[in-house]
Amino acid sequence: MNIRAKEPARDAARLKPAPRSAAEAAEAARRRKDDPAYRVDSERRRGRGAVANPTGRYEPMQKESFDDGWEVEEGLPSLQTELIVEKPRTIISKNDSPDLSFDKSINPYRGCEHGCSYCFARPTHAFQGLSSGLDFETKIFIKPTAPELLEKELRAPGYQPSTIALGSNTDPYQPVEKKLRITRGILEVLNRTNHPVGIVTKSALVTRDIDILRQMAERQLVKVAISITTLDPKLARKMEPRAASPAKRLDTVRQLSEAGIPVTVLVAPIIPAINDHEIEAILKASHQAGATSAGYVLLRLPYDLKDLMRDWLAEHYPDKLNHVFSILRETRGGKDYDADWSVRQKGVGPYAWMIGRRFESAAARLGLNRRRSLAMRTDLFTPPARDKGQLSLF
């Protein structure tokens, strides 16, 4: 098996693909599952979430596998993680999305080795000329200068502090963080400057930084959200192959809570017919571990994530593929996804309404979200001291 370049057809249908019914899209996924030119061999991608590596959506040429007669695919090595150094000019990203509770965020990494099959950030790898599939979890961009850039931006005249979200796109505590410690360096800067931060992760590695987080919690400068999608370790291994097990995540909630750090649990994403039956059990276990608040998000499938999710279902839950997308389309106004800010997180229709009521009822019974969350403080912010090596012009 070898790879060659193929120029895509440049016509109206290519630029704006015709809508497909749920049945047609599912059948296309089943054909891809049996196509060795599309699917990456399971042994090569062991421990990875995606089953294929389709060409990025902005690429002028498509990659196409073909049989060259040598039949050497069995001898190909397993996919390894590649770290790519990125040198950004700034590190704080800003947004004005009305459905988000923050307007600033930092992502120390692009791509994520956790390999979650459903990750809404997968399509962002296309901006690097890479695939949303296996490239997203094997080609990780790292930003080692992030702490220095952050200090520079916090020092800028006129900077106004507000909560920075850490890990809004990809996990700040993914496996490579254990060695690189970029996230810890960012927290050290935020702690020194009394700057509030909200962290989202599904990694137990966050407990490594309890020493910093405890200090920040005492000044109402930090909240941590732990994503728990399932309590079933077998499902977690298929869905999030390199993330912490459900038991480890619950233990992480417990350790953070015992250290006095406010913990929210995110049941996210909720996937119809896959993990939606676990909502109440996840909330109960999280509450027992010490979580005081909780939230949820319905599965989001922007851009090429739609077909990647179909590929994953075709491999692991082929009998549920049609059913999952039939329900999803019901919650998205007949489409695979609706990016409208007002509905993208929770969806619309009877199923979405039912999920919302189940979640609210279970949370109320457990006392989650009962107390109004303490606002994080911005009045303590102290800009970093000016670099002593920088001379004044006056």
Foldseek 3Di string as FASTA:
>chain_A
DDKDKAADDDDPCLVPPDDDALVVLLVVLLVLLPDPFFFQDCVQAPLAAFGGWWWQPPDRITMTGDCPPPPCSVVDHHQAAAEAEDEDQAFWAADDQPLDPDGIEGEQKFAAQLRFLQQPLLNVCSVVRGGSGPCSNRYMYGYLCHLVRVLVVLQDPPDAADEYEYQPRHANPGPVCVPSVSVVSNLVSCLVFLGAYEYEHQALCVLVNLVSQLSSLVQLRYAYEHEDQAQDQVLCCNRRVRHDHNVSSLLSLLSCQVSNHAYEYENPEHFPPRRLVCLLVSLVSNVVSRHQAYYYFYRAQPDPSLSSSSNSCCVPPSVCSSVRQVVCCQQAVNDNADPPSVRRGQGDDDVSVVSVVVNVVSCVVSNHPVDPDDGGDRVSGDRDDDDPVDDDPD
